[in-house]
Amino acid sequence: MRAPDPLAPLARRDGDPVFEEAWQAQALAMADCMVRAGAFSATDWANALGRAVRAEDDTTAGYYRAVLAALEALLDTGGSIPAPEVEARRNAWARAYETTPHGQPVELAK
């Protein structure tokens, strides 16, 4: 039996991928790292995610929007990154993405 490819996308037993896009795994990994680093507790994360999930539609896309909303809310309430700064960063990334030629790396202006 061949060893599984460690770089292959994770898959469920039925063969479907665990995550539809890499950023989904990264968002959950960030939450895990932040809990482990003490930025917020696992209970705070669960409560914030629960509130955000209830505000979204019951789809995979809605779940991951909720993950991002919960992270942003915890960053804001914890004082790490205030909501206006998160919004400014999001807008800067959107502008950079929209103006970057296809195939080129997206870079934020300094």
PDB file of N, CA and C in Angstrom:
ATOM      1  N   MET A   1       0.841  -1.178   0.000  1.00  0.00           N
ATOM      2  CA  MET A   1       0.000   0.000   0.000  1.00  0.00           C
ATOM      3  C   MET A   1       0.892   1.249   0.000  1.00  0.00           C
ATOM      4  N   ARG A   2       0.581   2.213  -0.865  1.00  0.00           N
ATOM      5  CA  ARG A   2       1.348   3.457  -0.942  1.00  0.00           C
ATOM      6  C   ARG A   2       0.970   4.392   0.188  1.00  0.00           C
ATOM      7  N   ALA A   3       1.964   5.112   0.671  1.00  0.00           N
ATOM      8  CA  ALA A   3       1.704   6.127   1.690  1.00  0.00           C
ATOM      9  C   ALA A   3       0.932   7.274   1.052  1.00  0.00           C
ATOM     10  N   PRO A   4       0.006   7.890   1.792  1.00  0.00           N
ATOM     11  CA  PRO A   4      -0.736   9.022   1.223  1.00  0.00           C
ATOM     12  C   PRO A   4       0.195  10.200   0.951  1.00  0.00           C
ATOM     13  N   ASP A   5      -0.168  10.971  -0.037  1.00  0.00           N
ATOM     14  CA  ASP A   5       0.603  12.171  -0.385  1.00  0.00           C
ATOM     15  C   ASP A   5       0.325  13.238   0.670  1.00  0.00           C
ATOM     16  N   PRO A   6       1.348  13.676   1.429  1.00  0.00           N
ATOM     17  CA  PRO A   6       1.095  14.657   2.491  1.00  0.00           C
ATOM     18  C   PRO A   6       0.692  16.027   1.960  1.00  0.00           C
ATOM     19  N   LEU A   7       0.915  16.286   0.684  1.00  0.00           N
ATOM     20  CA  LEU A   7       0.550  17.583   0.118  1.00  0.00           C
ATOM     21  C   LEU A   7      -0.804  17.564  -0.592  1.00  0.00           C
ATOM     22  N   ALA A   8      -1.406  16.390  -0.681  1.00  0.00           N
ATOM     23  CA  ALA A   8      -2.719  16.284  -1.330  1.00  0.00           C
ATOM     24  C   ALA A   8      -3.777  16.918  -0.430  1.00  0.00           C
ATOM     25  N   PRO A   9      -4.825  17.501  -1.018  1.00  0.00           N
ATOM     26  CA  PRO A   9      -5.900  18.077  -0.199  1.00  0.00           C
ATOM     27  C   PRO A   9      -6.539  17.009   0.679  1.00  0.00           C
ATOM     28  N   LEU A  10      -6.916  17.401   1.893  1.00  0.00           N
ATOM     29  CA  LEU A  10      -7.622  16.472   2.765  1.00  0.00           C
ATOM     30  C   LEU A  10      -8.938  16.083   2.119  1.00  0.00           C
ATOM     31  N   ALA A  11      -9.335  14.822   2.308  1.00  0.00           N
ATOM     32  CA  ALA A  11     -10.596  14.360   1.726  1.00  0.00           C
ATOM     33  C   ALA A  11     -11.350  13.542   2.765  1.00  0.00           C
ATOM     34  N   ARG A  12     -12.659  13.597   2.653  1.00  0.00           N
ATOM     35  CA  ARG A  12     -13.501  12.763   3.509  1.00  0.00           C
ATOM     36  C   ARG A  12     -13.442  11.334   2.990  1.00  0.00           C
ATOM     37  N   ARG A  13     -14.030  10.433   3.734  1.00  0.00           N
ATOM     38  CA  ARG A  13     -14.051   9.026   3.315  1.00  0.00           C
ATOM     39  C   ARG A  13     -14.753   8.846   1.977  1.00  0.00           C
ATOM     40  N   ASP A  14     -15.736   9.728   1.688  1.00  0.00           N
ATOM     41  CA  ASP A  14     -16.451   9.613   0.415  1.00  0.00           C
ATOM     42  C   ASP A  14     -15.682  10.242  -0.741  1.00  0.00           C
ATOM     43  N   GLY A  15     -14.496  10.802  -0.437  1.00  0.00           N
ATOM     44  CA  GLY A  15     -13.658  11.384  -1.484  1.00  0.00           C
ATOM     45  C   GLY A  15     -13.834  12.879  -1.669  1.00  0.00           C
ATOM     46  N   ASP A  16     -14.916  13.440  -1.117  1.00  0.00           N
ATOM     47  CA  ASP A  16     -15.114  14.890  -1.223  1.00  0.00           C
ATOM     48  C   ASP A  16     -14.056  15.609  -0.395  1.00  0.00           C
ATOM     49  N   PRO A  17     -13.598  16.760  -0.856  1.00  0.00           N
ATOM     50  CA  PRO A  17     -12.596  17.497  -0.078  1.00  0.00           C
ATOM     51  C   PRO A  17     -13.183  18.012   1.234  1.00  0.00           C
ATOM     52  N   VAL A  18     -12.336  18.108   2.248  1.00  0.00           N
ATOM     53  CA  VAL A  18     -12.763  18.635   3.544  1.00  0.00           C
ATOM     54  C   VAL A  18     -13.039  20.130   3.424  1.00  0.00           C
ATOM     55  N   PHE A  19     -12.190  20.820   2.688  1.00  0.00           N
ATOM     56  CA  PHE A  19     -12.347  22.255   2.475  1.00  0.00           C
ATOM     57  C   PHE A  19     -12.494  22.511   0.982  1.00  0.00           C
ATOM     58  N   GLU A  20     -13.399  23.422   0.629  1.00  0.00           N
ATOM     59  CA  GLU A  20     -13.582  23.761  -0.776  1.00  0.00           C
ATOM     60  C   GLU A  20     -12.447  24.629  -1.291  1.00  0.00           C
ATOM     61  N   GLU A  21     -11.889  25.461  -0.399  1.00  0.00           N
ATOM     62  CA  GLU A  21     -10.807  26.365  -0.789  1.00  0.00           C
ATOM     63  C   GLU A  21      -9.795  26.433   0.341  1.00  0.00           C
ATOM     64  N   ALA A  22      -8.538  26.671  -0.003  1.00  0.00           N
ATOM     65  CA  ALA A  22      -7.458  26.687   0.985  1.00  0.00           C
ATOM     66  C   ALA A  22      -7.700  27.732   2.078  1.00  0.00           C
ATOM     67  N   TRP A  23      -8.265  28.887   1.731  1.00  0.00           N
ATOM     68  CA  TRP A  23      -8.450  29.938   2.732  1.00  0.00           C
ATOM     69  C   TRP A  23      -9.382  29.490   3.855  1.00  0.00           C
ATOM     70  N   GLN A  24     -10.278  28.541   3.568  1.00  0.00           N
ATOM     71  CA  GLN A  24     -11.179  28.057   4.606  1.00  0.00           C
ATOM     72  C   GLN A  24     -10.390  27.332   5.694  1.00  0.00           C
ATOM     73  N   ALA A  25      -9.461  26.493   5.292  1.00  0.00           N
ATOM     74  CA  ALA A  25      -8.605  25.801   6.258  1.00  0.00           C
ATOM     75  C   ALA A  25      -7.733  26.809   6.999  1.00  0.00           C
ATOM     76  N   GLN A  26      -7.233  27.801   6.276  1.00  0.00           N
ATOM     77  CA  GLN A  26      -6.368  28.806   6.887  1.00  0.00           C
ATOM     78  C   GLN A  26      -7.124  29.622   7.935  1.00  0.00           C
ATOM     79  N   ALA A  27      -8.372  29.957   7.664  1.00  0.00           N
ATOM     80  CA  ALA A  27      -9.164  30.738   8.624  1.00  0.00           C
ATOM     81  C   ALA A  27      -9.366  29.953   9.919  1.00  0.00           C
ATOM     82  N   LEU A  28      -9.687  28.669   9.798  1.00  0.00           N
ATOM     83  CA  LEU A  28      -9.865  27.859  11.002  1.00  0.00           C
ATOM     84  C   LEU A  28      -8.534  27.644  11.714  1.00  0.00           C
ATOM     85  N   ALA A  29      -7.457  27.520  10.965  1.00  0.00           N
ATOM     86  CA  ALA A  29      -6.131  27.371  11.578  1.00  0.00           C
ATOM     87  C   ALA A  29      -5.744  28.637  12.342  1.00  0.00           C
ATOM     88  N   MET A  30      -6.084  29.806  11.785  1.00  0.00           N
ATOM     89  CA  MET A  30      -5.802  31.059  12.504  1.00  0.00           C
ATOM     90  C   MET A  30      -6.554  31.104  13.824  1.00  0.00           C
ATOM     91  N   ALA A  31      -7.815  30.702  13.804  1.00  0.00           N
ATOM     92  CA  ALA A  31      -8.598  30.697  15.043  1.00  0.00           C
ATOM     93  C   ALA A  31      -7.958  29.757  16.060  1.00  0.00           C
ATOM     94  N   ASP A  32      -7.552  28.580  15.617  1.00  0.00           N
ATOM     95  CA  ASP A  32      -6.913  27.626  16.514  1.00  0.00           C
ATOM     96  C   ASP A  32      -5.616  28.198  17.093  1.00  0.00           C
ATOM     97  N   CYS A  33      -4.797  28.799  16.243  1.00  0.00           N
ATOM     98  CA  CYS A  33      -3.534  29.395  16.710  1.00  0.00           C
ATOM     99  C   CYS A  33      -3.784  30.521  17.710  1.00  0.00           C
ATOM    100  N   MET A  34      -4.810  31.314  17.462  1.00  0.00           N
ATOM    101  CA  MET A  34      -5.102  32.429  18.356  1.00  0.00           C
ATOM    102  C   MET A  34      -5.604  31.938  19.713  1.00  0.00           C
ATOM    103  N   VAL A  35      -6.383  30.856  19.728  1.00  0.00           N
ATOM    104  CA  VAL A  35      -6.815  30.269  21.001  1.00  0.00           C
ATOM    105  C   VAL A  35      -5.594  29.743  21.745  1.00  0.00           C
ATOM    106  N   ARG A  36      -4.741  29.013  21.037  1.00  0.00           N
ATOM    107  CA  ARG A  36      -3.543  28.438  21.675  1.00  0.00           C
ATOM    108  C   ARG A  36      -2.592  29.528  22.189  1.00  0.00           C
ATOM    109  N   ALA A  37      -2.569  30.664  21.495  1.00  0.00           N
ATOM    110  CA  ALA A  37      -1.689  31.766  21.910  1.00  0.00           C
ATOM    111  C   ALA A  37      -2.300  32.612  23.021  1.00  0.00           C
ATOM    112  N   GLY A  38      -3.563  32.365  23.336  1.00  0.00           N
ATOM    113  CA  GLY A  38      -4.206  33.104  24.411  1.00  0.00           C
ATOM    114  C   GLY A  38      -4.830  34.420  23.989  1.00  0.00           C
ATOM    115  N   ALA A  39      -4.977  34.645  22.672  1.00  0.00           N
ATOM    116  CA  ALA A  39      -5.608  35.874  22.205  1.00  0.00           C
ATOM    117  C   ALA A  39      -7.073  35.924  22.634  1.00  0.00           C
ATOM    118  N   PHE A  40      -7.703  34.765  22.681  1.00  0.00           N
ATOM    119  CA  PHE A  40      -9.053  34.608  23.213  1.00  0.00           C
ATOM    120  C   PHE A  40      -9.222  33.150  23.586  1.00  0.00           C
ATOM    121  N   SER A  41     -10.218  32.867  24.403  1.00  0.00           N
ATOM    122  CA  SER A  41     -10.419  31.499  24.885  1.00  0.00           C
ATOM    123  C   SER A  41     -11.205  30.674  23.872  1.00  0.00           C
ATOM    124  N   ALA A  42     -11.136  29.365  24.041  1.00  0.00           N
ATOM    125  CA  ALA A  42     -11.921  28.469  23.190  1.00  0.00           C
ATOM    126  C   ALA A  42     -13.412  28.736  23.385  1.00  0.00           C
ATOM    127  N   THR A  43     -13.812  29.069  24.602  1.00  0.00           N
ATOM    128  CA  THR A  43     -15.216  29.386  24.872  1.00  0.00           C
ATOM    129  C   THR A  43     -15.626  30.662  24.147  1.00  0.00           C
ATOM    130  N   ASP A  44     -14.763  31.683  24.188  1.00  0.00           N
ATOM    131  CA  ASP A  44     -15.063  32.929  23.467  1.00  0.00           C
ATOM    132  C   ASP A  44     -15.190  32.652  21.974  1.00  0.00           C
ATOM    133  N   TRP A  45     -14.292  31.804  21.442  1.00  0.00           N
ATOM    134  CA  TRP A  45     -14.335  31.463  20.009  1.00  0.00           C
ATOM    135  C   TRP A  45     -15.647  30.747  19.691  1.00  0.00           C
ATOM    136  N   ALA A  46     -16.006  29.757  20.495  1.00  0.00           N
ATOM    137  CA  ALA A  46     -17.234  29.005  20.242  1.00  0.00           C
ATOM    138  C   ALA A  46     -18.457  29.911  20.300  1.00  0.00           C
ATOM    139  N   ASN A  47     -18.502  30.810  21.272  1.00  0.00           N
ATOM    140  CA  ASN A  47     -19.642  31.727  21.389  1.00  0.00           C
ATOM    141  C   ASN A  47     -19.709  32.689  20.212  1.00  0.00           C
ATOM    142  N   ALA A  48     -18.570  33.251  19.824  1.00  0.00           N
ATOM    143  CA  ALA A  48     -18.550  34.190  18.694  1.00  0.00           C
ATOM    144  C   ALA A  48     -18.933  33.487  17.400  1.00  0.00           C
ATOM    145  N   LEU A  49     -18.408  32.276  17.209  1.00  0.00           N
ATOM    146  CA  LEU A  49     -18.747  31.527  15.993  1.00  0.00           C
ATOM    147  C   LEU A  49     -20.223  31.161  15.991  1.00  0.00           C
ATOM    148  N   GLY A  50     -20.751  30.755  17.134  1.00  0.00           N
ATOM    149  CA  GLY A  50     -22.172  30.425  17.207  1.00  0.00           C
ATOM    150  C   GLY A  50     -23.061  31.604  16.845  1.00  0.00           C
ATOM    151  N   ARG A  51     -22.726  32.791  17.375  1.00  0.00           N
ATOM    152  CA  ARG A  51     -23.507  33.993  17.035  1.00  0.00           C
ATOM    153  C   ARG A  51     -23.415  34.285  15.537  1.00  0.00           C
ATOM    154  N   ALA A  52     -22.210  34.183  14.996  1.00  0.00           N
ATOM    155  CA  ALA A  52     -22.019  34.499  13.576  1.00  0.00           C
ATOM    156  C   ALA A  52     -22.724  33.478  12.678  1.00  0.00           C
ATOM    157  N   VAL A  53     -22.696  32.206  13.058  1.00  0.00           N
ATOM    158  CA  VAL A  53     -23.357  31.168  12.253  1.00  0.00           C
ATOM    159  C   VAL A  53     -24.861  31.415  12.207  1.00  0.00           C
ATOM    160  N   ARG A  54     -25.445  31.805  13.344  1.00  0.00           N
ATOM    161  CA  ARG A  54     -26.887  32.067  13.374  1.00  0.00           C
ATOM    162  C   ARG A  54     -27.278  33.230  12.463  1.00  0.00           C
ATOM    163  N   ALA A  55     -26.341  34.132  12.186  1.00  0.00           N
ATOM    164  CA  ALA A  55     -26.638  35.294  11.345  1.00  0.00           C
ATOM    165  C   ALA A  55     -26.451  35.005   9.854  1.00  0.00           C
ATOM    166  N   GLU A  56     -25.951  33.824   9.516  1.00  0.00           N
ATOM    167  CA  GLU A  56     -25.662  33.483   8.126  1.00  0.00           C
ATOM    168  C   GLU A  56     -26.645  32.456   7.583  1.00  0.00           C
ATOM    169  N   ASP A  57     -26.631  32.280   6.248  1.00  0.00           N
ATOM    170  CA  ASP A  57     -27.444  31.228   5.655  1.00  0.00           C
ATOM    171  C   ASP A  57     -26.781  29.872   5.916  1.00  0.00           C
ATOM    172  N   ASP A  58     -27.559  28.815   5.823  1.00  0.00           N
ATOM    173  CA  ASP A  58     -27.097  27.466   6.159  1.00  0.00           C
ATOM    174  C   ASP A  58     -26.436  26.807   4.948  1.00  0.00           C
ATOM    175  N   THR A  59     -25.291  27.359   4.566  1.00  0.00           N
ATOM    176  CA  THR A  59     -24.512  26.816   3.455  1.00  0.00           C
ATOM    177  C   THR A  59     -23.051  26.775   3.874  1.00  0.00           C
ATOM    178  N   THR A  60     -22.243  26.100   3.092  1.00  0.00           N
ATOM    179  CA  THR A  60     -20.808  26.084   3.373  1.00  0.00           C
ATOM    180  C   THR A  60     -20.246  27.492   3.290  1.00  0.00           C
ATOM    181  N   ALA A  61     -20.639  28.234   2.273  1.00  0.00           N
ATOM    182  CA  ALA A  61     -20.158  29.614   2.133  1.00  0.00           C
ATOM    183  C   ALA A  61     -20.584  30.452   3.341  1.00  0.00           C
ATOM    184  N   GLY A  62     -21.816  30.267   3.803  1.00  0.00           N
ATOM    185  CA  GLY A  62     -22.294  30.991   4.977  1.00  0.00           C
ATOM    186  C   GLY A  62     -21.502  30.649   6.221  1.00  0.00           C
ATOM    187  N   TYR A  63     -21.136  29.379   6.361  1.00  0.00           N
ATOM    188  CA  TYR A  63     -20.343  28.970   7.517  1.00  0.00           C
ATOM    189  C   TYR A  63     -18.993  29.681   7.522  1.00  0.00           C
ATOM    190  N   TYR A  64     -18.333  29.731   6.381  1.00  0.00           N
ATOM    191  CA  TYR A  64     -17.010  30.357   6.353  1.00  0.00           C
ATOM    192  C   TYR A  64     -17.084  31.877   6.440  1.00  0.00           C
ATOM    193  N   ARG A  65     -18.183  32.479   5.976  1.00  0.00           N
ATOM    194  CA  ARG A  65     -18.392  33.905   6.247  1.00  0.00           C
ATOM    195  C   ARG A  65     -18.519  34.123   7.753  1.00  0.00           C
ATOM    196  N   ALA A  66     -19.196  33.187   8.421  1.00  0.00           N
ATOM    197  CA  ALA A  66     -19.346  33.271   9.874  1.00  0.00           C
ATOM    198  C   ALA A  66     -17.993  33.119  10.572  1.00  0.00           C
ATOM    199  N   VAL A  67     -17.143  32.220  10.079  1.00  0.00           N
ATOM    200  CA  VAL A  67     -15.808  32.055  10.665  1.00  0.00           C
ATOM    201  C   VAL A  67     -15.058  33.381  10.608  1.00  0.00           C
ATOM    202  N   LEU A  68     -15.079  34.027   9.446  1.00  0.00           N
ATOM    203  CA  LEU A  68     -14.383  35.309   9.306  1.00  0.00           C
ATOM    204  C   LEU A  68     -15.004  36.376  10.196  1.00  0.00           C
ATOM    205  N   ALA A  69     -16.332  36.430  10.241  1.00  0.00           N
ATOM    206  CA  ALA A  69     -17.007  37.425  11.076  1.00  0.00           C
ATOM    207  C   ALA A  69     -16.668  37.215  12.551  1.00  0.00           C
ATOM    208  N   ALA A  70     -16.617  35.958  13.000  1.00  0.00           N
ATOM    209  CA  ALA A  70     -16.288  35.671  14.396  1.00  0.00           C
ATOM    210  C   ALA A  70     -14.858  36.091  14.706  1.00  0.00           C
ATOM    211  N   LEU A  71     -13.930  35.779  13.812  1.00  0.00           N
ATOM    212  CA  LEU A  71     -12.534  36.202  14.017  1.00  0.00           C
ATOM    213  C   LEU A  71     -12.440  37.725  14.103  1.00  0.00           C
ATOM    214  N   GLU A  72     -13.093  38.411  13.177  1.00  0.00           N
ATOM    215  CA  GLU A  72     -13.046  39.876  13.171  1.00  0.00           C
ATOM    216  C   GLU A  72     -13.658  40.452  14.442  1.00  0.00           C
ATOM    217  N   ALA A  73     -14.765  39.880  14.892  1.00  0.00           N
ATOM    218  CA  ALA A  73     -15.407  40.376  16.108  1.00  0.00           C
ATOM    219  C   ALA A  73     -14.494  40.198  17.318  1.00  0.00           C
ATOM    220  N   LEU A  74     -13.840  39.046  17.412  1.00  0.00           N
ATOM    221  CA  LEU A  74     -12.953  38.800  18.543  1.00  0.00           C
ATOM    222  C   LEU A  74     -11.716  39.690  18.494  1.00  0.00           C
ATOM    223  N   LEU A  75     -11.206  39.957  17.310  1.00  0.00           N
ATOM    224  CA  LEU A  75     -10.076  40.876  17.187  1.00  0.00           C
ATOM    225  C   LEU A  75     -10.474  42.276  17.639  1.00  0.00           C
ATOM    226  N   ASP A  76     -11.680  42.681  17.275  1.00  0.00           N
ATOM    227  CA  ASP A  76     -12.169  44.010  17.643  1.00  0.00           C
ATOM    228  C   ASP A  76     -12.409  44.106  19.148  1.00  0.00           C
ATOM    229  N   THR A  77     -13.147  43.160  19.705  1.00  0.00           N
ATOM    230  CA  THR A  77     -13.472  43.242  21.136  1.00  0.00           C
ATOM    231  C   THR A  77     -12.252  43.020  22.012  1.00  0.00           C
ATOM    232  N   GLY A  78     -11.286  42.253  21.521  1.00  0.00           N
ATOM    233  CA  GLY A  78     -10.065  42.021  22.288  1.00  0.00           C
ATOM    234  C   GLY A  78      -9.071  43.150  22.169  1.00  0.00           C
ATOM    235  N   GLY A  79      -9.338  44.107  21.296  1.00  0.00           N
ATOM    236  CA  GLY A  79      -8.457  45.253  21.127  1.00  0.00           C
ATOM    237  C   GLY A  79      -7.263  44.997  20.232  1.00  0.00           C
ATOM    238  N   SER A  80      -7.163  43.793  19.653  1.00  0.00           N
ATOM    239  CA  SER A  80      -6.021  43.480  18.792  1.00  0.00           C
ATOM    240  C   SER A  80      -6.036  44.315  17.519  1.00  0.00           C
ATOM    241  N   ILE A  81      -7.174  44.289  16.827  1.00  0.00           N
ATOM    242  CA  ILE A  81      -7.338  45.072  15.600  1.00  0.00           C
ATOM    243  C   ILE A  81      -8.761  45.626  15.619  1.00  0.00           C
ATOM    244  N   PRO A  82      -8.915  46.933  15.824  1.00  0.00           N
ATOM    245  CA  PRO A  82     -10.252  47.527  15.862  1.00  0.00           C
ATOM    246  C   PRO A  82     -10.995  47.347  14.528  1.00  0.00           C
ATOM    247  N   ALA A  83     -12.317  47.233  14.600  1.00  0.00           N
ATOM    248  CA  ALA A  83     -13.147  47.003  13.420  1.00  0.00           C
ATOM    249  C   ALA A  83     -12.861  47.981  12.277  1.00  0.00           C
ATOM    250  N   PRO A  84     -12.688  49.292  12.529  1.00  0.00           N
ATOM    251  CA  PRO A  84     -12.402  50.191  11.405  1.00  0.00           C
ATOM    252  C   PRO A  84     -11.096  49.832  10.687  1.00  0.00           C
ATOM    253  N   GLU A  85     -10.110  49.354  11.442  1.00  0.00           N
ATOM    254  CA  GLU A  85      -8.851  48.968  10.805  1.00  0.00           C
ATOM    255  C   GLU A  85      -9.021  47.690   9.988  1.00  0.00           C
ATOM    256  N   VAL A  86      -9.811  46.741  10.487  1.00  0.00           N
ATOM    257  CA  VAL A  86     -10.092  45.514   9.729  1.00  0.00           C
ATOM    258  C   VAL A  86     -10.776  45.884   8.412  1.00  0.00           C
ATOM    259  N   GLU A  87     -11.757  46.779   8.493  1.00  0.00           N
ATOM    260  CA  GLU A  87     -12.472  47.198   7.287  1.00  0.00           C
ATOM    261  C   GLU A  87     -11.529  47.905   6.317  1.00  0.00           C
ATOM    262  N   ALA A  88     -10.656  48.759   6.829  1.00  0.00           N
ATOM    263  CA  ALA A  88      -9.699  49.460   5.967  1.00  0.00           C
ATOM    264  C   ALA A  88      -8.761  48.467   5.283  1.00  0.00           C
ATOM    265  N   ARG A  89      -8.308  47.453   6.023  1.00  0.00           N
ATOM    266  CA  ARG A  89      -7.431  46.436   5.433  1.00  0.00           C
ATOM    267  C   ARG A  89      -8.166  45.624   4.378  1.00  0.00           C
ATOM    268  N   ARG A  90      -9.419  45.265   4.670  1.00  0.00           N
ATOM    269  CA  ARG A  90     -10.215  44.509   3.702  1.00  0.00           C
ATOM    270  C   ARG A  90     -10.395  45.316   2.420  1.00  0.00           C
ATOM    271  N   ASN A  91     -10.704  46.602   2.565  1.00  0.00           N
ATOM    272  CA  ASN A  91     -10.884  47.462   1.399  1.00  0.00           C
ATOM    273  C   ASN A  91      -9.583  47.624   0.620  1.00  0.00           C
ATOM    274  N   ALA A  92      -8.461  47.737   1.322  1.00  0.00           N
ATOM    275  CA  ALA A  92      -7.164  47.858   0.649  1.00  0.00           C
ATOM    276  C   ALA A  92      -6.852  46.596  -0.143  1.00  0.00           C
ATOM    277  N   TRP A  93      -7.129  45.438   0.443  1.00  0.00           N
ATOM    278  CA  TRP A  93      -6.906  44.182  -0.282  1.00  0.00           C
ATOM    279  C   TRP A  93      -7.812  44.093  -1.498  1.00  0.00           C
ATOM    280  N   ALA A  94      -9.064  44.498  -1.353  1.00  0.00           N
ATOM    281  CA  ALA A  94      -9.995  44.449  -2.491  1.00  0.00           C
ATOM    282  C   ALA A  94      -9.502  45.345  -3.619  1.00  0.00           C
ATOM    283  N   ARG A  95      -9.073  46.557  -3.269  1.00  0.00           N
ATOM    284  CA  ARG A  95      -8.553  47.464  -4.313  1.00  0.00           C
ATOM    285  C   ARG A  95      -7.313  46.877  -4.979  1.00  0.00           C
ATOM    286  N   ALA A  96      -6.416  46.317  -4.177  1.00  0.00           N
ATOM    287  CA  ALA A  96      -5.190  45.734  -4.724  1.00  0.00           C
ATOM    288  C   ALA A  96      -5.521  44.551  -5.630  1.00  0.00           C
ATOM    289  N   TYR A  97      -6.447  43.710  -5.197  1.00  0.00           N
ATOM    290  CA  TYR A  97      -6.840  42.545  -5.988  1.00  0.00           C
ATOM    291  C   TYR A  97      -7.463  42.971  -7.318  1.00  0.00           C
ATOM    292  N   GLU A  98      -8.354  43.961  -7.236  1.00  0.00           N
ATOM    293  CA  GLU A  98      -9.068  44.399  -8.435  1.00  0.00           C
ATOM    294  C   GLU A  98      -8.159  45.099  -9.443  1.00  0.00           C
ATOM    295  N   THR A  99      -7.059  45.659  -9.004  1.00  0.00           N
ATOM    296  CA  THR A  99      -6.170  46.392  -9.910  1.00  0.00           C
ATOM    297  C   THR A  99      -4.910  45.620 -10.288  1.00  0.00           C
ATOM    298  N   THR A 100      -4.766  44.406  -9.783  1.00  0.00           N
ATOM    299  CA  THR A 100      -3.589  43.603 -10.111  1.00  0.00           C
ATOM    300  C   THR A 100      -3.840  42.831 -11.396  1.00  0.00           C
ATOM    301  N   PRO A 101      -2.923  42.932 -12.358  1.00  0.00           N
ATOM    302  CA  PRO A 101      -3.089  42.160 -13.596  1.00  0.00           C
ATOM    303  C   PRO A 101      -3.120  40.651 -13.311  1.00  0.00           C
ATOM    304  N   HIS A 102      -3.894  39.945 -14.119  1.00  0.00           N
ATOM    305  CA  HIS A 102      -4.017  38.494 -13.974  1.00  0.00           C
ATOM    306  C   HIS A 102      -2.638  37.834 -14.001  1.00  0.00           C
ATOM    307  N   GLY A 103      -2.435  36.919 -13.075  1.00  0.00           N
ATOM    308  CA  GLY A 103      -1.182  36.186 -13.028  1.00  0.00           C
ATOM    309  C   GLY A 103      -0.090  36.841 -12.214  1.00  0.00           C
ATOM    310  N   GLN A 104      -0.336  38.060 -11.761  1.00  0.00           N
ATOM    311  CA  GLN A 104       0.664  38.783 -10.968  1.00  0.00           C
ATOM    312  C   GLN A 104       0.307  38.659  -9.492  1.00  0.00           C
ATOM    313  N   PRO A 105       1.306  38.719  -8.610  1.00  0.00           N
ATOM    314  CA  PRO A 105       0.993  38.670  -7.180  1.00  0.00           C
ATOM    315  C   PRO A 105       0.279  39.940  -6.723  1.00  0.00           C
ATOM    316  N   VAL A 106      -0.634  39.785  -5.807  1.00  0.00           N
ATOM    317  CA  VAL A 106      -1.357  40.923  -5.256  1.00  0.00           C
ATOM    318  C   VAL A 106      -0.473  41.539  -4.173  1.00  0.00           C
ATOM    319  N   GLU A 107      -0.240  42.834  -4.278  1.00  0.00           N
ATOM    320  CA  GLU A 107       0.576  43.535  -3.300  1.00  0.00           C
ATOM    321  C   GLU A 107      -0.169  44.759  -2.783  1.00  0.00           C
ATOM    322  N   LEU A 108      -0.085  44.964  -1.481  1.00  0.00           N
ATOM    323  CA  LEU A 108      -0.684  46.142  -0.868  1.00  0.00           C
ATOM    324  C   LEU A 108       0.280  47.309  -0.971  1.00  0.00           C
ATOM    325  N   ALA A 109      -0.274  48.498  -1.208  1.00  0.00           N
ATOM    326  CA  ALA A 109       0.554  49.712  -1.191  1.00  0.00           C
ATOM    327  C   ALA A 109       1.021  49.944   0.226  1.00  0.00           C
ATOM    328  N   LYS A 110       2.199  50.479   0.369  1.00  0.00           N
ATOM    329  CA  LYS A 110       2.753  50.708   1.721  1.00  0.00           C
ATOM    330  C   LYS A 110       2.290  52.015   2.276  1.00  0.00           C
TER     331      LYS A 110
END
